[in-house]
Amino acid sequence: MQKIFAMVWAGLACAAVCAGDTQNSDDFYRQAQIGQWTHYKFISTEGEKKSEATVRTVVTQRNDEQVNLEITTDEGGRKSSAMLSVNFESQDRIMERLKREHETIEEGDEVLKLGNTEYKCHWTKSKLNQADGQITGFEKVWKCPSVPLESVVKRESELTVTANGKSFKRTETQELLDCSKERTK
């Protein structure tokens, strides 16, 4: 379960950095409104091992300093929930660090159709170098300003992770299943 939460949090933070000019990615939680929600499918592959989970994030409270999120995961029928408080000042520091670890190499516009909904997206492909080179690779993120919270419609990454002197390949996909109505300004 901790691995899924770590994957979700890392995915959302990285996706926020790859926002392009669609919106100010630094403010995505500051703009959050109580009751907004997103529901994603996450798939992670390491060698032959594949993990799948769905994750629903709901804004439960917010004030001028932080936003509180309820994150509910379902990993193969194992469901759990956790509350997460995101302090805006701490989030600013995290976002600045992540921006330094992403180098945009391509970007463009594309309409993605997921289910019955079309999203007019701006996509950004980035080269990653995180955790002092322990995580390297590429990430592509499609974002749409009408999607609440992080604006992420889809995220794909191909990573090389080095830990304890060993390296392994990891792929991750995040895809929007559904969300609350358009973000309010």
N, C-alpha and C. Protein backbone atom coordinates (compact mmCIF):
# COMPACT_ATOMS: atom_id res chain seq x y z
N MET A 1 0.82 -1.19 0.00
CA MET A 1 0.00 0.00 0.00
C MET A 1 0.87 1.25 0.00
N GLN A 2 1.93 1.30 0.80
CA GLN A 2 2.80 2.46 0.82
C GLN A 2 3.42 2.69 -0.55
N LYS A 3 3.71 1.60 -1.27
CA LYS A 3 4.29 1.72 -2.60
C LYS A 3 3.31 2.41 -3.54
N ILE A 4 2.01 2.05 -3.45
CA ILE A 4 1.01 2.68 -4.30
C ILE A 4 0.88 4.16 -3.97
N PHE A 5 0.82 4.52 -2.68
CA PHE A 5 0.74 5.94 -2.32
C PHE A 5 1.96 6.69 -2.81
N ALA A 6 3.14 6.09 -2.68
CA ALA A 6 4.36 6.75 -3.16
C ALA A 6 4.31 6.93 -4.67
N MET A 7 3.85 5.91 -5.40
CA MET A 7 3.74 6.00 -6.85
C MET A 7 2.75 7.09 -7.23
N VAL A 8 1.61 7.15 -6.55
CA VAL A 8 0.59 8.14 -6.85
C VAL A 8 1.12 9.54 -6.58
N TRP A 9 1.69 9.77 -5.41
CA TRP A 9 2.18 11.09 -5.05
C TRP A 9 3.30 11.54 -6.00
N ALA A 10 4.22 10.65 -6.30
CA ALA A 10 5.30 10.99 -7.22
C ALA A 10 4.75 11.29 -8.60
N GLY A 11 3.79 10.51 -9.05
CA GLY A 11 3.19 10.73 -10.36
C GLY A 11 2.48 12.06 -10.44
N LEU A 12 1.72 12.41 -9.43
CA LEU A 12 1.00 13.68 -9.45
C LEU A 12 1.96 14.85 -9.39
N ALA A 13 2.97 14.75 -8.55
CA ALA A 13 3.94 15.84 -8.45
C ALA A 13 4.70 16.02 -9.75
N CYS A 14 5.17 14.93 -10.34
CA CYS A 14 5.91 15.02 -11.61
C CYS A 14 5.02 15.51 -12.72
N ALA A 15 3.80 15.04 -12.76
CA ALA A 15 2.89 15.47 -13.81
C ALA A 15 2.61 16.96 -13.70
N ALA A 16 2.53 17.45 -12.49
CA ALA A 16 2.28 18.88 -12.31
C ALA A 16 3.41 19.72 -12.88
N VAL A 17 4.64 19.25 -12.78
CA VAL A 17 5.78 19.98 -13.30
C VAL A 17 5.75 20.05 -14.81
N CYS A 18 5.27 19.01 -15.45
CA CYS A 18 5.26 18.93 -16.92
C CYS A 18 4.02 19.59 -17.49
N ALA A 19 3.61 20.72 -16.94
CA ALA A 19 2.35 21.34 -17.31
C ALA A 19 2.39 22.14 -18.59
N GLY A 20 3.55 22.53 -19.04
CA GLY A 20 3.59 23.42 -20.18
C GLY A 20 2.95 24.74 -19.80
N ASP A 21 2.35 25.44 -20.75
CA ASP A 21 1.73 26.72 -20.48
C ASP A 21 0.23 26.63 -20.29
N THR A 22 -0.32 25.43 -20.15
CA THR A 22 -1.76 25.27 -20.04
C THR A 22 -2.31 25.97 -18.81
N GLN A 23 -1.59 25.94 -17.71
CA GLN A 23 -2.00 26.62 -16.49
C GLN A 23 -0.77 26.77 -15.61
N ASN A 24 -0.90 27.54 -14.56
CA ASN A 24 0.20 27.71 -13.63
C ASN A 24 0.25 26.49 -12.72
N SER A 25 1.17 25.58 -12.98
CA SER A 25 1.20 24.32 -12.25
C SER A 25 1.54 24.50 -10.78
N ASP A 26 2.18 25.63 -10.44
CA ASP A 26 2.51 25.86 -9.04
C ASP A 26 1.26 26.05 -8.19
N ASP A 27 0.16 26.44 -8.80
CA ASP A 27 -1.04 26.79 -8.05
C ASP A 27 -2.15 25.75 -8.11
N PHE A 28 -1.87 24.55 -8.60
CA PHE A 28 -2.98 23.62 -8.80
C PHE A 28 -3.68 23.25 -7.51
N TYR A 29 -3.01 23.15 -6.39
CA TYR A 29 -3.71 22.88 -5.14
C TYR A 29 -4.29 24.15 -4.54
N ARG A 30 -3.66 25.29 -4.77
CA ARG A 30 -4.23 26.55 -4.29
C ARG A 30 -5.57 26.84 -4.97
N GLN A 31 -5.74 26.38 -6.19
CA GLN A 31 -6.98 26.60 -6.93
C GLN A 31 -8.05 25.57 -6.60
N ALA A 32 -7.71 24.53 -5.87
CA ALA A 32 -8.65 23.44 -5.58
C ALA A 32 -9.84 23.95 -4.76
N GLN A 33 -10.99 23.38 -5.07
CA GLN A 33 -12.22 23.71 -4.36
C GLN A 33 -12.73 22.46 -3.64
N ILE A 34 -13.32 22.66 -2.48
CA ILE A 34 -13.89 21.55 -1.72
C ILE A 34 -14.89 20.79 -2.61
N GLY A 35 -14.77 19.47 -2.62
CA GLY A 35 -15.66 18.62 -3.40
C GLY A 35 -15.10 18.23 -4.76
N GLN A 36 -14.09 18.94 -5.26
CA GLN A 36 -13.49 18.52 -6.54
C GLN A 36 -12.81 17.17 -6.35
N TRP A 37 -12.82 16.38 -7.42
CA TRP A 37 -12.24 15.04 -7.33
C TRP A 37 -11.73 14.58 -8.69
N THR A 38 -10.79 13.65 -8.62
CA THR A 38 -10.28 12.97 -9.80
C THR A 38 -10.24 11.47 -9.50
N HIS A 39 -10.32 10.67 -10.56
CA HIS A 39 -10.26 9.21 -10.43
C HIS A 39 -9.35 8.71 -11.55
N TYR A 40 -8.24 8.09 -11.19
CA TYR A 40 -7.23 7.64 -12.14
C TYR A 40 -6.99 6.15 -12.06
N LYS A 41 -6.49 5.62 -13.16
CA LYS A 41 -5.95 4.26 -13.18
C LYS A 41 -4.44 4.40 -13.30
N PHE A 42 -3.71 3.70 -12.44
CA PHE A 42 -2.25 3.69 -12.46
C PHE A 42 -1.78 2.28 -12.80
N ILE A 43 -0.82 2.19 -13.71
CA ILE A 43 -0.20 0.91 -14.04
C ILE A 43 1.30 1.09 -13.94
N SER A 44 1.96 0.20 -13.23
CA SER A 44 3.41 0.24 -13.07
C SER A 44 3.97 -1.14 -13.42
N THR A 45 5.06 -1.14 -14.20
CA THR A 45 5.69 -2.40 -14.58
C THR A 45 7.18 -2.34 -14.27
N GLU A 46 7.65 -3.37 -13.59
CA GLU A 46 9.08 -3.55 -13.32
C GLU A 46 9.41 -4.97 -13.75
N GLY A 47 10.11 -5.11 -14.88
CA GLY A 47 10.40 -6.45 -15.40
C GLY A 47 9.10 -7.18 -15.70
N GLU A 48 8.92 -8.35 -15.11
CA GLU A 48 7.70 -9.14 -15.31
C GLU A 48 6.60 -8.75 -14.34
N LYS A 49 6.92 -7.94 -13.35
CA LYS A 49 5.96 -7.59 -12.31
C LYS A 49 5.13 -6.37 -12.73
N LYS A 50 3.81 -6.53 -12.68
CA LYS A 50 2.90 -5.45 -13.07
C LYS A 50 1.95 -5.15 -11.91
N SER A 51 1.82 -3.87 -11.58
CA SER A 51 0.91 -3.43 -10.53
C SER A 51 -0.13 -2.51 -11.14
N GLU A 52 -1.37 -2.69 -10.73
CA GLU A 52 -2.45 -1.83 -11.19
C GLU A 52 -3.24 -1.36 -9.99
N ALA A 53 -3.68 -0.11 -10.06
CA ALA A 53 -4.50 0.43 -9.00
C ALA A 53 -5.37 1.55 -9.56
N THR A 54 -6.50 1.79 -8.92
CA THR A 54 -7.27 2.98 -9.21
C THR A 54 -7.16 3.88 -7.98
N VAL A 55 -7.14 5.16 -8.24
CA VAL A 55 -6.95 6.12 -7.16
C VAL A 55 -7.95 7.27 -7.34
N ARG A 56 -8.72 7.51 -6.29
CA ARG A 56 -9.67 8.63 -6.29
C ARG A 56 -9.20 9.64 -5.25
N THR A 57 -9.05 10.89 -5.67
CA THR A 57 -8.62 11.97 -4.78
C THR A 57 -9.75 12.99 -4.68
N VAL A 58 -10.14 13.32 -3.45
CA VAL A 58 -11.23 14.28 -3.21
C VAL A 58 -10.71 15.39 -2.29
N VAL A 59 -11.01 16.62 -2.65
CA VAL A 59 -10.68 17.76 -1.79
C VAL A 59 -11.72 17.81 -0.69
N THR A 60 -11.26 17.65 0.56
CA THR A 60 -12.19 17.63 1.68
C THR A 60 -12.22 18.94 2.47
N GLN A 61 -11.09 19.64 2.50
CA GLN A 61 -11.00 20.93 3.20
C GLN A 61 -9.91 21.77 2.54
N ARG A 62 -10.02 23.06 2.70
CA ARG A 62 -8.95 23.94 2.24
C ARG A 62 -9.05 25.25 3.00
N ASN A 63 -7.91 25.90 3.13
CA ASN A 63 -7.85 27.25 3.68
C ASN A 63 -6.72 27.98 2.98
N ASP A 64 -6.29 29.11 3.52
CA ASP A 64 -5.25 29.90 2.85
C ASP A 64 -3.87 29.27 2.93
N GLU A 65 -3.69 28.24 3.77
CA GLU A 65 -2.37 27.65 3.97
C GLU A 65 -2.23 26.23 3.43
N GLN A 66 -3.34 25.51 3.32
CA GLN A 66 -3.25 24.11 2.90
C GLN A 66 -4.56 23.61 2.33
N VAL A 67 -4.46 22.44 1.69
CA VAL A 67 -5.62 21.72 1.20
C VAL A 67 -5.54 20.30 1.78
N ASN A 68 -6.68 19.76 2.15
CA ASN A 68 -6.74 18.39 2.66
C ASN A 68 -7.40 17.50 1.61
N LEU A 69 -6.77 16.37 1.36
CA LEU A 69 -7.23 15.44 0.34
C LEU A 69 -7.52 14.09 0.98
N GLU A 70 -8.58 13.44 0.52
CA GLU A 70 -8.82 12.05 0.87
C GLU A 70 -8.45 11.24 -0.37
N ILE A 71 -7.49 10.32 -0.20
CA ILE A 71 -7.02 9.50 -1.31
C ILE A 71 -7.45 8.06 -1.03
N THR A 72 -8.26 7.52 -1.95
CA THR A 72 -8.76 6.15 -1.81
C THR A 72 -8.18 5.32 -2.95
N THR A 73 -7.54 4.22 -2.59
CA THR A 73 -6.93 3.36 -3.60
C THR A 73 -7.62 2.00 -3.60
N ASP A 74 -7.61 1.39 -4.77
CA ASP A 74 -8.10 0.03 -4.93
C ASP A 74 -7.06 -0.71 -5.76
N GLU A 75 -6.34 -1.60 -5.10
CA GLU A 75 -5.29 -2.37 -5.77
C GLU A 75 -5.71 -3.83 -5.75
N GLY A 76 -6.29 -4.29 -6.85
CA GLY A 76 -6.71 -5.68 -6.95
C GLY A 76 -7.74 -6.08 -5.91
N GLY A 77 -8.66 -5.19 -5.59
CA GLY A 77 -9.68 -5.48 -4.60
C GLY A 77 -9.31 -5.10 -3.18
N ARG A 78 -8.04 -4.76 -2.96
CA ARG A 78 -7.62 -4.28 -1.64
C ARG A 78 -7.79 -2.78 -1.61
N LYS A 79 -8.76 -2.32 -0.84
CA LYS A 79 -9.09 -0.90 -0.78
C LYS A 79 -8.56 -0.28 0.51
N SER A 80 -8.12 0.96 0.37
CA SER A 80 -7.69 1.69 1.56
C SER A 80 -7.83 3.18 1.29
N SER A 81 -7.88 3.94 2.36
CA SER A 81 -7.99 5.39 2.28
C SER A 81 -6.98 6.03 3.21
N ALA A 82 -6.57 7.22 2.84
CA ALA A 82 -5.67 8.00 3.68
C ALA A 82 -5.99 9.47 3.48
N MET A 83 -5.77 10.24 4.50
CA MET A 83 -5.92 11.69 4.42
C MET A 83 -4.53 12.29 4.22
N LEU A 84 -4.45 13.28 3.35
CA LEU A 84 -3.19 13.94 3.06
C LEU A 84 -3.41 15.44 3.13
N SER A 85 -2.60 16.12 3.95
CA SER A 85 -2.64 17.58 4.02
C SER A 85 -1.46 18.11 3.22
N VAL A 86 -1.75 19.00 2.28
CA VAL A 86 -0.70 19.59 1.44
C VAL A 86 -0.57 21.05 1.83
N ASN A 87 0.54 21.36 2.49
CA ASN A 87 0.86 22.73 2.87
C ASN A 87 1.40 23.45 1.64
N PHE A 88 0.83 24.62 1.33
CA PHE A 88 1.21 25.31 0.10
C PHE A 88 2.68 25.71 0.06
N GLU A 89 3.23 26.17 1.17
CA GLU A 89 4.65 26.56 1.18
C GLU A 89 5.55 25.36 0.96
N SER A 90 5.25 24.23 1.57
CA SER A 90 6.04 23.02 1.35
C SER A 90 5.90 22.56 -0.09
N GLN A 91 4.69 22.64 -0.63
CA GLN A 91 4.45 22.25 -2.02
C GLN A 91 5.27 23.12 -2.96
N ASP A 92 5.38 24.42 -2.66
CA ASP A 92 6.19 25.33 -3.49
C ASP A 92 7.64 24.86 -3.56
N ARG A 93 8.20 24.47 -2.43
CA ARG A 93 9.59 24.00 -2.40
C ARG A 93 9.76 22.71 -3.18
N ILE A 94 8.81 21.80 -3.04
CA ILE A 94 8.86 20.54 -3.79
C ILE A 94 8.79 20.83 -5.30
N MET A 95 7.89 21.70 -5.69
CA MET A 95 7.72 22.01 -7.11
C MET A 95 8.98 22.65 -7.69
N GLU A 96 9.63 23.53 -6.95
CA GLU A 96 10.87 24.15 -7.43
C GLU A 96 11.96 23.09 -7.64
N ARG A 97 12.07 22.16 -6.71
CA ARG A 97 13.07 21.10 -6.86
C ARG A 97 12.75 20.22 -8.07
N LEU A 98 11.49 19.85 -8.22
CA LEU A 98 11.11 19.00 -9.35
C LEU A 98 11.33 19.70 -10.69
N LYS A 99 11.11 20.99 -10.75
CA LYS A 99 11.36 21.73 -11.99
C LYS A 99 12.83 21.64 -12.40
N ARG A 100 13.72 21.66 -11.42
CA ARG A 100 15.15 21.55 -11.72
C ARG A 100 15.51 20.15 -12.23
N GLU A 101 14.69 19.16 -11.92
CA GLU A 101 14.97 17.77 -12.29
C GLU A 101 14.31 17.36 -13.60
N HIS A 102 13.57 18.26 -14.24
CA HIS A 102 12.88 18.00 -15.51
C HIS A 102 13.41 18.94 -16.57
N GLU A 103 13.75 18.40 -17.72
CA GLU A 103 14.17 19.21 -18.86
C GLU A 103 13.18 18.95 -20.00
N THR A 104 12.41 19.96 -20.37
CA THR A 104 11.44 19.80 -21.46
C THR A 104 12.18 19.61 -22.77
N ILE A 105 11.82 18.55 -23.50
CA ILE A 105 12.47 18.29 -24.78
C ILE A 105 11.50 18.38 -25.96
N GLU A 106 10.20 18.26 -25.69
CA GLU A 106 9.18 18.40 -26.73
C GLU A 106 7.88 18.83 -26.08
N GLU A 107 7.02 19.49 -26.87
CA GLU A 107 5.68 19.79 -26.38
C GLU A 107 4.76 20.06 -27.57
N GLY A 108 3.46 19.93 -27.33
CA GLY A 108 2.50 20.16 -28.39
C GLY A 108 1.08 20.08 -27.86
N ASP A 109 0.13 20.11 -28.78
CA ASP A 109 -1.28 20.05 -28.43
C ASP A 109 -1.91 18.83 -29.10
N GLU A 110 -2.87 18.22 -28.40
CA GLU A 110 -3.51 17.01 -28.91
C GLU A 110 -4.85 16.83 -28.21
N VAL A 111 -5.83 16.32 -28.92
CA VAL A 111 -7.11 15.97 -28.32
C VAL A 111 -7.06 14.49 -27.97
N LEU A 112 -7.29 14.18 -26.68
CA LEU A 112 -7.36 12.78 -26.24
C LEU A 112 -8.81 12.45 -25.94
N LYS A 113 -9.24 11.27 -26.39
CA LYS A 113 -10.58 10.80 -26.06
C LYS A 113 -10.45 9.62 -25.11
N LEU A 114 -10.98 9.82 -23.91
CA LEU A 114 -11.00 8.76 -22.90
C LEU A 114 -12.46 8.49 -22.57
N GLY A 115 -12.89 7.27 -22.81
CA GLY A 115 -14.31 6.96 -22.64
C GLY A 115 -15.10 7.76 -23.65
N ASN A 116 -16.11 8.48 -23.19
CA ASN A 116 -16.94 9.31 -24.06
C ASN A 116 -16.54 10.78 -24.03
N THR A 117 -15.44 11.11 -23.38
CA THR A 117 -15.06 12.51 -23.21
C THR A 117 -13.80 12.84 -23.98
N GLU A 118 -13.84 13.96 -24.67
CA GLU A 118 -12.65 14.46 -25.36
C GLU A 118 -12.03 15.57 -24.53
N TYR A 119 -10.71 15.54 -24.43
CA TYR A 119 -9.96 16.54 -23.68
C TYR A 119 -8.99 17.23 -24.62
N LYS A 120 -9.06 18.56 -24.68
CA LYS A 120 -8.10 19.33 -25.46
C LYS A 120 -6.87 19.53 -24.58
N CYS A 121 -5.81 18.82 -24.91
CA CYS A 121 -4.64 18.75 -24.04
C CYS A 121 -3.43 19.48 -24.61
N HIS A 122 -2.61 19.94 -23.69
CA HIS A 122 -1.25 20.36 -24.01
C HIS A 122 -0.35 19.29 -23.41
N TRP A 123 0.57 18.74 -24.21
CA TRP A 123 1.45 17.69 -23.70
C TRP A 123 2.88 18.20 -23.65
N THR A 124 3.61 17.64 -22.73
CA THR A 124 5.02 17.97 -22.56
C THR A 124 5.79 16.68 -22.34
N LYS A 125 6.87 16.52 -23.08
CA LYS A 125 7.78 15.39 -22.87
C LYS A 125 9.03 15.94 -22.21
N SER A 126 9.44 15.31 -21.12
CA SER A 126 10.58 15.77 -20.34
C SER A 126 11.60 14.67 -20.13
N LYS A 127 12.84 15.09 -20.04
CA LYS A 127 13.92 14.20 -19.62
C LYS A 127 14.06 14.40 -18.11
N LEU A 128 14.10 13.28 -17.38
CA LEU A 128 14.15 13.32 -15.91
C LEU A 128 15.53 12.95 -15.39
N ASN A 129 15.92 13.62 -14.34
CA ASN A 129 17.11 13.26 -13.57
C ASN A 129 16.81 13.62 -12.13
N GLN A 130 16.30 12.66 -11.37
CA GLN A 130 15.84 12.91 -10.01
C GLN A 130 16.69 12.15 -8.99
N ALA A 131 16.60 12.63 -7.75
CA ALA A 131 17.26 11.96 -6.63
C ALA A 131 18.74 11.73 -6.93
N ASP A 132 19.41 12.81 -7.36
CA ASP A 132 20.84 12.76 -7.66
C ASP A 132 21.19 11.63 -8.63
N GLY A 133 20.37 11.46 -9.67
CA GLY A 133 20.65 10.46 -10.69
C GLY A 133 20.15 9.07 -10.40
N GLN A 134 19.50 8.88 -9.26
CA GLN A 134 18.98 7.55 -8.94
C GLN A 134 17.74 7.20 -9.75
N ILE A 135 17.07 8.22 -10.28
CA ILE A 135 15.92 8.01 -11.17
C ILE A 135 16.15 8.85 -12.42
N THR A 136 16.27 8.18 -13.57
CA THR A 136 16.47 8.87 -14.83
C THR A 136 15.49 8.31 -15.85
N GLY A 137 15.22 9.07 -16.89
CA GLY A 137 14.34 8.57 -17.93
C GLY A 137 13.56 9.69 -18.59
N PHE A 138 12.39 9.33 -19.11
CA PHE A 138 11.55 10.25 -19.85
C PHE A 138 10.12 10.16 -19.35
N GLU A 139 9.42 11.30 -19.44
CA GLU A 139 8.03 11.34 -19.02
C GLU A 139 7.25 12.22 -19.99
N LYS A 140 6.05 11.77 -20.36
CA LYS A 140 5.17 12.57 -21.20
C LYS A 140 3.86 12.73 -20.45
N VAL A 141 3.40 13.98 -20.38
CA VAL A 141 2.18 14.30 -19.63
C VAL A 141 1.24 15.11 -20.51
N TRP A 142 -0.03 14.67 -20.56
CA TRP A 142 -1.08 15.39 -21.26
C TRP A 142 -1.94 16.05 -20.21
N LYS A 143 -2.14 17.38 -20.34
CA LYS A 143 -2.93 18.12 -19.36
C LYS A 143 -4.02 18.92 -20.04
N CYS A 144 -5.13 19.08 -19.34
CA CYS A 144 -6.26 19.84 -19.83
C CYS A 144 -6.74 20.75 -18.70
N PRO A 145 -6.86 22.05 -18.95
CA PRO A 145 -7.21 22.97 -17.86
C PRO A 145 -8.59 22.74 -17.26
N SER A 146 -9.48 22.01 -17.95
CA SER A 146 -10.81 21.77 -17.38
C SER A 146 -10.82 20.63 -16.36
N VAL A 147 -9.73 19.86 -16.28
CA VAL A 147 -9.65 18.77 -15.31
C VAL A 147 -9.21 19.35 -13.97
N PRO A 148 -9.94 19.10 -12.89
CA PRO A 148 -9.60 19.69 -11.60
C PRO A 148 -8.30 19.13 -11.02
N LEU A 149 -7.84 19.80 -10.00
CA LEU A 149 -6.61 19.47 -9.28
C LEU A 149 -5.42 19.57 -10.21
N GLU A 150 -4.73 18.51 -10.52
CA GLU A 150 -3.47 18.58 -11.27
C GLU A 150 -3.63 18.78 -12.77
N SER A 151 -4.84 18.74 -13.30
CA SER A 151 -5.15 18.88 -14.73
C SER A 151 -4.65 17.72 -15.58
N VAL A 152 -4.16 16.66 -14.96
CA VAL A 152 -3.58 15.54 -15.71
C VAL A 152 -4.68 14.69 -16.34
N VAL A 153 -4.53 14.44 -17.64
CA VAL A 153 -5.40 13.53 -18.36
C VAL A 153 -4.69 12.18 -18.52
N LYS A 154 -3.39 12.24 -18.83
CA LYS A 154 -2.62 11.03 -19.02
C LYS A 154 -1.15 11.33 -18.74
N ARG A 155 -0.45 10.32 -18.22
CA ARG A 155 0.99 10.43 -17.96
C ARG A 155 1.63 9.09 -18.28
N GLU A 156 2.75 9.12 -19.01
CA GLU A 156 3.52 7.91 -19.29
C GLU A 156 4.97 8.19 -18.95
N SER A 157 5.62 7.25 -18.30
CA SER A 157 7.05 7.43 -18.01
C SER A 157 7.80 6.12 -18.20
N GLU A 158 9.03 6.26 -18.65
CA GLU A 158 9.97 5.15 -18.77
C GLU A 158 11.19 5.55 -17.95
N LEU A 159 11.45 4.81 -16.90
CA LEU A 159 12.47 5.19 -15.93
C LEU A 159 13.51 4.10 -15.74
N THR A 160 14.70 4.52 -15.35
CA THR A 160 15.71 3.62 -14.82
C THR A 160 15.92 4.04 -13.38
N VAL A 161 15.72 3.11 -12.47
CA VAL A 161 15.85 3.37 -11.04
C VAL A 161 17.07 2.62 -10.53
N THR A 162 17.94 3.34 -9.81
CA THR A 162 19.13 2.73 -9.24
C THR A 162 19.01 2.78 -7.72
N ALA A 163 19.11 1.62 -7.09
CA ALA A 163 19.04 1.53 -5.63
C ALA A 163 19.95 0.40 -5.17
N ASN A 164 20.70 0.65 -4.13
CA ASN A 164 21.61 -0.35 -3.56
C ASN A 164 22.55 -0.92 -4.61
N GLY A 165 23.02 -0.06 -5.51
CA GLY A 165 23.99 -0.49 -6.52
C GLY A 165 23.40 -1.27 -7.69
N LYS A 166 22.09 -1.45 -7.72
CA LYS A 166 21.44 -2.19 -8.80
C LYS A 166 20.47 -1.26 -9.53
N SER A 167 20.34 -1.47 -10.85
CA SER A 167 19.41 -0.69 -11.65
C SER A 167 18.32 -1.57 -12.22
N PHE A 168 17.14 -1.00 -12.36
CA PHE A 168 16.05 -1.72 -12.99
C PHE A 168 15.19 -0.72 -13.77
N LYS A 169 14.50 -1.24 -14.78
CA LYS A 169 13.61 -0.44 -15.62
C LYS A 169 12.22 -0.45 -15.01
N ARG A 170 11.56 0.69 -15.12
CA ARG A 170 10.20 0.83 -14.61
C ARG A 170 9.40 1.68 -15.58
N THR A 171 8.21 1.23 -15.93
CA THR A 171 7.29 2.05 -16.72
C THR A 171 6.08 2.35 -15.86
N GLU A 172 5.54 3.54 -16.04
CA GLU A 172 4.35 3.95 -15.30
C GLU A 172 3.38 4.64 -16.25
N THR A 173 2.10 4.35 -16.08
CA THR A 173 1.04 5.01 -16.83
C THR A 173 -0.03 5.46 -15.85
N GLN A 174 -0.49 6.67 -16.03
CA GLN A 174 -1.58 7.22 -15.25
C GLN A 174 -2.61 7.72 -16.26
N GLU A 175 -3.87 7.31 -16.11
CA GLU A 175 -4.90 7.73 -17.06
C GLU A 175 -6.17 8.10 -16.31
N LEU A 176 -6.73 9.25 -16.68
CA LEU A 176 -7.95 9.74 -16.05
C LEU A 176 -9.12 8.83 -16.39
N LEU A 177 -9.84 8.38 -15.38
CA LEU A 177 -11.06 7.60 -15.58
C LEU A 177 -12.29 8.51 -15.55
N ASP A 178 -12.27 9.50 -14.63
CA ASP A 178 -13.39 10.41 -14.47
C ASP A 178 -12.97 11.54 -13.54
N CYS A 179 -13.73 12.62 -13.52
CA CYS A 179 -13.43 13.72 -12.62
C CYS A 179 -14.68 14.55 -12.39
N SER A 180 -14.62 15.42 -11.38
CA SER A 180 -15.72 16.34 -11.13
C SER A 180 -15.79 17.35 -12.26
N LYS A 181 -16.81 18.17 -12.22
CA LYS A 181 -16.97 19.16 -13.28
C LYS A 181 -15.78 20.10 -13.35
N GLU A 182 -15.81 20.95 -14.38
CA GLU A 182 -14.68 21.82 -14.63
C GLU A 182 -14.21 22.54 -13.39
N ARG A 183 -12.94 22.79 -13.38
CA ARG A 183 -12.31 23.57 -12.33
C ARG A 183 -12.94 24.96 -12.33
N THR A 184 -13.06 25.54 -11.16
CA THR A 184 -13.55 26.91 -11.07
C THR A 184 -12.36 27.82 -10.91
N LYS A 185 -12.47 29.00 -11.43
CA LYS A 185 -11.35 29.96 -11.39
C LYS A 185 -11.44 30.78 -10.13
